[in-house]
Amino acid sequence: MIFLRKSLKAWGTSAFRDVLKSEIEQMNTDVLHLQQGLSQSSVALDDNLDAIIISVSDETDCICVKAGIYYAGIIAGCSCADDPTPDNQTTEYCQVLLAIDKTTAETTVTLLQEQTG
C-alpha cells in the first residue's frame, strides 16, 4: 500500500505540488507501474525519476492527480563481449493517475494509456 501522508498534509497549501512531486520521485518503478509504461526499452530504472504534476482535482473522498513521469529505461542485452545491444539508457515517459484518500492518505496509482510527451 502507498500512503502519501506528506502530500495530504500539504493539501490546500501552496506547497502541495512541490511536496507531491517530491513524494512521487521517491517511489520505485513497481509502485508507479513504470515497467508497464515502457515504450522504447525493456527494463525500467528506479533512479532519477522526474515528476510533473499535470492536473489536480478535488473530489469528494479523494484528491485526484494526473502526473507525467520521466524516467530511464534500458534495453538489456546478454552482456556478451560481441553483444550488438549495449546497455544504453533511454528516457521514457508515461502518465499516471493518483487517487489520494482524504482520510487515510492511502493512494492508488493507475497507469494511463493515453500518453503525450
N, C-alpha and C. Protein backbone atom coordinates (compact mmCIF):
# COMPACT_ATOMS: atom_id res chain seq x y z
N MET A 1 0.82 -1.18 0.00
CA MET A 1 0.00 0.00 0.00
C MET A 1 0.87 1.25 0.00
N ILE A 2 0.37 2.25 -0.66
CA ILE A 2 1.08 3.52 -0.75
C ILE A 2 0.31 4.55 0.07
N PHE A 3 1.03 5.31 0.87
CA PHE A 3 0.43 6.38 1.64
C PHE A 3 1.20 7.66 1.38
N LEU A 4 0.55 8.66 0.83
CA LEU A 4 1.18 9.96 0.57
C LEU A 4 0.76 10.92 1.68
N ARG A 5 1.25 10.65 2.86
CA ARG A 5 0.86 11.43 4.05
C ARG A 5 1.34 12.88 4.00
N LYS A 6 2.55 13.08 3.52
CA LYS A 6 3.07 14.45 3.44
C LYS A 6 2.26 15.29 2.46
N SER A 7 1.89 14.66 1.35
CA SER A 7 1.09 15.37 0.36
C SER A 7 -0.29 15.69 0.90
N LEU A 8 -0.91 14.74 1.59
CA LEU A 8 -2.23 15.00 2.17
C LEU A 8 -2.15 16.12 3.20
N LYS A 9 -1.10 16.11 4.00
CA LYS A 9 -0.92 17.16 5.00
C LYS A 9 -0.75 18.54 4.34
N ALA A 10 -0.11 18.56 3.17
CA ALA A 10 0.13 19.82 2.45
C ALA A 10 -1.06 20.24 1.59
N TRP A 11 -2.08 19.38 1.49
CA TRP A 11 -3.24 19.69 0.65
C TRP A 11 -3.86 21.03 1.06
N GLY A 12 -4.14 21.86 0.08
CA GLY A 12 -4.74 23.16 0.35
C GLY A 12 -3.74 24.26 0.60
N THR A 13 -2.45 23.92 0.56
CA THR A 13 -1.41 24.93 0.75
C THR A 13 -0.65 25.14 -0.56
N SER A 14 0.12 26.18 -0.61
CA SER A 14 0.92 26.45 -1.81
C SER A 14 2.05 25.44 -1.99
N ALA A 15 2.36 24.68 -0.96
CA ALA A 15 3.44 23.70 -1.03
C ALA A 15 2.99 22.35 -1.58
N PHE A 16 1.69 22.16 -1.78
CA PHE A 16 1.16 20.85 -2.16
C PHE A 16 1.86 20.24 -3.37
N ARG A 17 1.95 20.96 -4.47
CA ARG A 17 2.55 20.41 -5.69
C ARG A 17 4.01 20.01 -5.49
N ASP A 18 4.76 20.83 -4.77
CA ASP A 18 6.18 20.51 -4.53
C ASP A 18 6.33 19.28 -3.64
N VAL A 19 5.50 19.20 -2.61
CA VAL A 19 5.55 18.04 -1.70
C VAL A 19 5.16 16.78 -2.45
N LEU A 20 4.09 16.86 -3.23
CA LEU A 20 3.64 15.71 -4.01
C LEU A 20 4.69 15.27 -5.01
N LYS A 21 5.26 16.22 -5.72
CA LYS A 21 6.33 15.92 -6.69
C LYS A 21 7.47 15.17 -6.00
N SER A 22 7.88 15.64 -4.84
CA SER A 22 8.96 15.01 -4.10
C SER A 22 8.60 13.58 -3.68
N GLU A 23 7.38 13.39 -3.20
CA GLU A 23 6.97 12.05 -2.78
C GLU A 23 6.89 11.09 -3.97
N ILE A 24 6.40 11.56 -5.10
CA ILE A 24 6.34 10.71 -6.29
C ILE A 24 7.75 10.31 -6.72
N GLU A 25 8.66 11.25 -6.71
CA GLU A 25 10.02 10.98 -7.18
C GLU A 25 10.77 10.03 -6.27
N GLN A 26 10.29 9.81 -5.06
CA GLN A 26 10.91 8.86 -4.14
C GLN A 26 10.34 7.45 -4.26
N MET A 27 9.28 7.29 -5.04
CA MET A 27 8.67 5.98 -5.24
C MET A 27 9.53 5.14 -6.17
N ASN A 28 9.26 3.84 -6.19
CA ASN A 28 10.00 3.00 -7.13
C ASN A 28 9.14 2.68 -8.35
N THR A 29 9.76 2.12 -9.36
CA THR A 29 9.09 1.88 -10.63
C THR A 29 7.94 0.89 -10.49
N ASP A 30 8.05 -0.08 -9.59
CA ASP A 30 6.97 -1.05 -9.41
C ASP A 30 5.70 -0.38 -8.92
N VAL A 31 5.83 0.48 -7.93
CA VAL A 31 4.67 1.17 -7.35
C VAL A 31 3.98 2.05 -8.39
N LEU A 32 4.76 2.67 -9.24
CA LEU A 32 4.21 3.58 -10.25
C LEU A 32 3.84 2.87 -11.56
N HIS A 33 4.07 1.57 -11.64
CA HIS A 33 3.76 0.76 -12.83
C HIS A 33 4.56 1.22 -14.05
N LEU A 34 5.77 1.70 -13.81
CA LEU A 34 6.56 2.24 -14.92
C LEU A 34 7.09 1.17 -15.86
N GLN A 35 7.28 -0.05 -15.37
CA GLN A 35 7.70 -1.14 -16.25
C GLN A 35 6.67 -1.34 -17.36
N GLN A 36 5.39 -1.26 -17.00
CA GLN A 36 4.32 -1.44 -17.98
C GLN A 36 4.20 -0.21 -18.91
N GLY A 37 4.77 0.91 -18.50
CA GLY A 37 4.69 2.13 -19.30
C GLY A 37 5.82 2.28 -20.30
N LEU A 38 6.74 1.34 -20.35
CA LEU A 38 7.87 1.43 -21.27
C LEU A 38 7.41 1.43 -22.72
N SER A 39 8.07 2.24 -23.55
CA SER A 39 7.75 2.24 -24.97
C SER A 39 8.98 2.07 -25.85
N GLN A 40 10.17 2.34 -25.29
CA GLN A 40 11.38 2.28 -26.10
C GLN A 40 12.45 1.34 -25.56
N SER A 41 12.27 0.84 -24.35
CA SER A 41 13.28 -0.01 -23.73
C SER A 41 12.60 -1.21 -23.08
N SER A 42 13.38 -2.01 -22.36
CA SER A 42 12.81 -3.24 -21.81
C SER A 42 12.84 -3.34 -20.28
N VAL A 43 13.63 -2.48 -19.63
CA VAL A 43 13.70 -2.53 -18.16
C VAL A 43 13.67 -1.10 -17.62
N ALA A 44 12.72 -0.83 -16.71
CA ALA A 44 12.60 0.50 -16.10
C ALA A 44 13.58 0.61 -14.93
N LEU A 45 14.22 1.76 -14.80
CA LEU A 45 15.18 2.01 -13.73
C LEU A 45 14.57 2.93 -12.68
N ASP A 46 14.90 2.69 -11.40
CA ASP A 46 14.35 3.46 -10.29
C ASP A 46 15.00 4.82 -10.10
N ASP A 47 16.19 5.01 -10.59
CA ASP A 47 16.91 6.25 -10.28
C ASP A 47 16.49 7.38 -11.21
N ASN A 48 16.53 8.57 -10.65
CA ASN A 48 16.29 9.82 -11.39
C ASN A 48 14.89 9.94 -11.99
N LEU A 49 13.88 9.64 -11.19
CA LEU A 49 12.51 9.91 -11.64
C LEU A 49 12.27 11.41 -11.60
N ASP A 50 11.54 11.91 -12.59
CA ASP A 50 11.19 13.33 -12.63
C ASP A 50 9.69 13.42 -12.86
N ALA A 51 8.97 13.92 -11.87
CA ALA A 51 7.51 14.01 -11.95
C ALA A 51 7.07 15.41 -12.31
N ILE A 52 6.03 15.48 -13.12
CA ILE A 52 5.40 16.74 -13.48
C ILE A 52 3.92 16.62 -13.13
N ILE A 53 3.44 17.51 -12.32
CA ILE A 53 2.03 17.49 -11.94
C ILE A 53 1.25 18.17 -13.07
N ILE A 54 0.42 17.41 -13.76
CA ILE A 54 -0.32 17.93 -14.90
C ILE A 54 -1.63 18.57 -14.45
N SER A 55 -2.36 17.86 -13.58
CA SER A 55 -3.62 18.41 -13.10
C SER A 55 -3.96 17.82 -11.73
N VAL A 56 -4.74 18.58 -10.97
CA VAL A 56 -5.19 18.17 -9.65
C VAL A 56 -6.67 18.48 -9.55
N SER A 57 -7.46 17.52 -9.07
CA SER A 57 -8.88 17.79 -8.86
C SER A 57 -9.29 17.34 -7.47
N ASP A 58 -10.17 18.12 -6.88
CA ASP A 58 -10.66 17.88 -5.53
C ASP A 58 -11.98 17.13 -5.64
N GLU A 59 -11.96 15.83 -5.37
CA GLU A 59 -13.16 15.02 -5.40
C GLU A 59 -13.71 14.89 -3.99
N THR A 60 -14.85 14.27 -3.83
CA THR A 60 -15.49 14.14 -2.52
C THR A 60 -14.61 13.41 -1.51
N ASP A 61 -14.11 12.24 -1.90
CA ASP A 61 -13.34 11.41 -0.97
C ASP A 61 -11.84 11.41 -1.22
N CYS A 62 -11.43 11.93 -2.37
CA CYS A 62 -10.00 11.83 -2.69
C CYS A 62 -9.52 13.04 -3.48
N ILE A 63 -8.22 13.14 -3.53
CA ILE A 63 -7.54 14.13 -4.36
C ILE A 63 -7.02 13.35 -5.57
N CYS A 64 -7.44 13.73 -6.76
CA CYS A 64 -7.02 13.03 -7.97
C CYS A 64 -5.95 13.86 -8.67
N VAL A 65 -4.85 13.19 -8.98
CA VAL A 65 -3.71 13.87 -9.58
C VAL A 65 -3.29 13.14 -10.84
N LYS A 66 -3.21 13.87 -11.92
CA LYS A 66 -2.63 13.34 -13.16
C LYS A 66 -1.20 13.83 -13.21
N ALA A 67 -0.27 12.89 -13.31
CA ALA A 67 1.15 13.26 -13.31
C ALA A 67 1.87 12.59 -14.47
N GLY A 68 2.81 13.32 -15.03
CA GLY A 68 3.70 12.77 -16.03
C GLY A 68 5.01 12.38 -15.35
N ILE A 69 5.55 11.25 -15.73
CA ILE A 69 6.79 10.76 -15.12
C ILE A 69 7.83 10.53 -16.21
N TYR A 70 8.94 11.22 -16.09
CA TYR A 70 10.11 10.94 -16.93
C TYR A 70 11.02 10.03 -16.13
N TYR A 71 11.51 8.99 -16.78
CA TYR A 71 12.39 8.04 -16.10
C TYR A 71 13.27 7.35 -17.12
N ALA A 72 14.24 6.59 -16.65
CA ALA A 72 15.18 5.92 -17.55
C ALA A 72 14.80 4.45 -17.71
N GLY A 73 15.05 3.96 -18.88
CA GLY A 73 14.89 2.55 -19.17
C GLY A 73 16.11 2.09 -19.94
N ILE A 74 16.35 0.81 -19.91
CA ILE A 74 17.48 0.26 -20.68
C ILE A 74 16.97 -0.89 -21.55
N ILE A 75 17.70 -1.13 -22.60
CA ILE A 75 17.47 -2.31 -23.42
C ILE A 75 18.53 -3.31 -22.96
N ALA A 76 18.09 -4.28 -22.20
CA ALA A 76 19.02 -5.25 -21.62
C ALA A 76 19.45 -6.25 -22.67
N GLY A 77 20.75 -6.40 -22.82
CA GLY A 77 21.32 -7.38 -23.74
C GLY A 77 21.80 -8.60 -22.97
N CYS A 78 22.59 -9.41 -23.62
CA CYS A 78 23.06 -10.64 -22.98
C CYS A 78 24.38 -10.43 -22.25
N SER A 79 24.96 -9.24 -22.33
CA SER A 79 26.23 -8.91 -21.68
C SER A 79 27.42 -9.67 -22.25
N CYS A 80 27.29 -10.15 -23.47
CA CYS A 80 28.41 -10.81 -24.13
C CYS A 80 29.31 -9.74 -24.75
N ALA A 81 30.56 -10.05 -24.93
CA ALA A 81 31.52 -9.08 -25.47
C ALA A 81 31.11 -8.61 -26.87
N ASP A 82 30.49 -9.50 -27.65
CA ASP A 82 30.11 -9.11 -29.00
C ASP A 82 28.61 -8.77 -29.12
N ASP A 83 27.98 -8.50 -28.00
CA ASP A 83 26.55 -8.15 -27.98
C ASP A 83 26.34 -6.84 -28.72
N PRO A 84 25.51 -6.82 -29.77
CA PRO A 84 25.28 -5.58 -30.53
C PRO A 84 24.38 -4.57 -29.80
N THR A 85 23.77 -4.95 -28.69
CA THR A 85 22.89 -4.03 -27.97
C THR A 85 23.46 -3.70 -26.60
N PRO A 86 24.29 -2.68 -26.51
CA PRO A 86 24.84 -2.31 -25.21
C PRO A 86 23.75 -1.79 -24.29
N ASP A 87 24.03 -1.75 -22.99
CA ASP A 87 23.05 -1.28 -22.01
C ASP A 87 22.95 0.24 -22.03
N ASN A 88 22.36 0.76 -23.07
CA ASN A 88 22.18 2.20 -23.19
C ASN A 88 20.90 2.63 -22.51
N GLN A 89 20.98 3.71 -21.76
CA GLN A 89 19.78 4.24 -21.12
C GLN A 89 18.99 5.08 -22.12
N THR A 90 17.68 4.97 -22.01
CA THR A 90 16.76 5.72 -22.84
C THR A 90 15.78 6.44 -21.94
N THR A 91 15.44 7.67 -22.28
CA THR A 91 14.45 8.39 -21.50
C THR A 91 13.06 7.91 -21.88
N GLU A 92 12.29 7.55 -20.87
CA GLU A 92 10.92 7.09 -21.06
C GLU A 92 9.97 8.11 -20.43
N TYR A 93 8.72 8.07 -20.84
CA TYR A 93 7.71 8.96 -20.29
C TYR A 93 6.38 8.23 -20.24
N CYS A 94 5.66 8.39 -19.15
CA CYS A 94 4.29 7.90 -19.09
C CYS A 94 3.50 8.78 -18.13
N GLN A 95 2.20 8.59 -18.15
CA GLN A 95 1.32 9.35 -17.28
C GLN A 95 0.60 8.40 -16.34
N VAL A 96 0.42 8.86 -15.11
CA VAL A 96 -0.28 8.07 -14.10
C VAL A 96 -1.36 8.93 -13.46
N LEU A 97 -2.36 8.25 -12.92
CA LEU A 97 -3.40 8.90 -12.15
C LEU A 97 -3.27 8.42 -10.72
N LEU A 98 -3.10 9.36 -9.80
CA LEU A 98 -3.01 9.03 -8.38
C LEU A 98 -4.30 9.49 -7.70
N ALA A 99 -4.88 8.62 -6.90
CA ALA A 99 -6.07 8.96 -6.12
C ALA A 99 -5.68 8.86 -4.65
N ILE A 100 -5.59 10.02 -3.98
CA ILE A 100 -5.16 10.09 -2.58
C ILE A 100 -6.40 10.21 -1.70
N ASP A 101 -6.62 9.21 -0.87
CA ASP A 101 -7.77 9.23 0.04
C ASP A 101 -7.59 10.38 1.04
N LYS A 102 -8.61 11.22 1.18
CA LYS A 102 -8.51 12.40 2.04
C LYS A 102 -8.49 12.07 3.53
N THR A 103 -8.91 10.88 3.90
CA THR A 103 -8.92 10.50 5.31
C THR A 103 -7.66 9.75 5.71
N THR A 104 -7.25 8.78 4.89
CA THR A 104 -6.15 7.88 5.27
C THR A 104 -4.84 8.15 4.55
N ALA A 105 -4.86 8.90 3.47
CA ALA A 105 -3.71 9.17 2.60
C ALA A 105 -3.33 7.95 1.76
N GLU A 106 -4.13 6.86 1.86
CA GLU A 106 -3.87 5.70 1.01
C GLU A 106 -4.04 6.13 -0.44
N THR A 107 -3.11 5.72 -1.28
CA THR A 107 -3.07 6.19 -2.66
C THR A 107 -3.05 5.03 -3.64
N THR A 108 -3.92 5.12 -4.63
CA THR A 108 -3.89 4.15 -5.72
C THR A 108 -3.24 4.81 -6.93
N VAL A 109 -2.52 4.02 -7.68
CA VAL A 109 -1.83 4.52 -8.87
C VAL A 109 -2.32 3.72 -10.07
N THR A 110 -2.75 4.44 -11.10
CA THR A 110 -3.21 3.82 -12.33
C THR A 110 -2.40 4.37 -13.49
N LEU A 111 -1.84 3.47 -14.28
CA LEU A 111 -1.11 3.87 -15.47
C LEU A 111 -2.11 4.28 -16.54
N LEU A 112 -1.93 5.45 -17.11
CA LEU A 112 -2.84 5.94 -18.15
C LEU A 112 -2.32 5.52 -19.51
N GLN A 113 -3.19 5.06 -20.36
CA GLN A 113 -2.79 4.57 -21.68
C GLN A 113 -2.50 5.70 -22.65
N GLU A 114 -3.28 6.79 -22.58
CA GLU A 114 -3.05 7.92 -23.48
C GLU A 114 -1.85 8.68 -22.99
N GLN A 115 -0.86 8.81 -23.85
CA GLN A 115 0.37 9.46 -23.42
C GLN A 115 0.83 10.44 -24.48
N THR A 116 1.27 11.57 -23.99
CA THR A 116 1.90 12.56 -24.86
C THR A 116 3.17 13.01 -24.19
N GLY A 117 4.21 13.12 -24.90
CA GLY A 117 5.43 13.52 -24.23
C GLY A 117 6.59 13.69 -25.09
